[in-house]
């Protein structure tokens, strides 16, 4: 027969065991209720959480100047979604058929091996990708009109699992019509990101739709590694050349603001962007006089709008010929490399492959650092 002392010890250990068991149960329940947050390191516009049988995507910056958020539920087939009415869209995953509305969405589908799931797109001529253009030539992707005026009849007839849209201000009646037809519409705001790696990380948004989170992570990690390696290499350059950007449109010179995506690339390539101290993430609107005053002696001119040659620049305005970069021929454009139908490849692929953009810029500003690199996006104006 156990002694009184042994009974006390037994009672104590039983109490501890029950307490630990309850804590473990509460911990599991807490994780189940709150969800497991998946890693998003650079992008500011979305977050993903995994639950039992479903995931959620929360969109935090659907368009500039709004505090509105959207929450989407991605539900596994045959799984149960609690409180379905709390979500702005519910999608069954993995997605089999999809409509996207921006060319920046195309590379994510291709990198994930899901090109064949694309069945519709507004204004097919904008697409530059050779892989996707083959499917267009085979009539496997339907023309849906223009982004601001999508042909909803054709789209509804296609009956995709989801439509991935984007919005400048949230006023798109076509999306409302599509949603009323019980087709989920999910906003994608990759274009609002200002970090080069932040834009690229939106591949994880698509990875969640196809149950390919591991593949998306692997692809992004490689891009991140290449970008950081290139940035570190550029930081070792002995000089830091000065840079101007943009060009005039109706007597106004538009150029990236200091906190913008374009300005970040120049900084990471170890260039001295002369308007780096300007605040904002969009475009500056400057007079020709102010640009001449500060930038006439700039070493390089990156991204001179639509101009494809030095002669075109001079025809656009004789004032352009006053810049040192023009005189020395150090003017580089990303608008010359185009797809089969005239779409600019940079606009489609650059947000997804910032590592290639950065290497191009390092090749321009510090050619000795990457002697064997061939331009992916840029060309020197002749």
Foldseek 3Di string as FASTA:
>chain_A
DDDPVVVVVVVVVVVVVVVVVVVVVVVVVVCQVVFQWDDDDAADFWTKGDHVFKIKIKGQDQAPPDRDIFIEIEGEPPDDDPPPVVHLYYFYPLWQAEEEEFLQVQVLCVLLVNLLRYAEYEPPLQHFDPVNVVCVVVNRHDHQHHLLDGNLVVVLVVQGREYEYGDHPPDRVSQVVNVVSVRHYHYDPLVVRFALLNSQLCSCVNCSNHVNNVSSVVLSVVLVVLQVVQLVLLVPDPDAFEEFEAEDDPQWGKGFALSGNVNVLSVSNRHHYQRNVGDDHGIDTHGPVVCCVRFQAGQAYEAHDQDQALVVVCVVDVSVCSRPCSVVQRYKHQLPDGHPSRHRVCSNPCSNRVSLVSVQSNCSRPVVSPVPDDHPGMDGHD
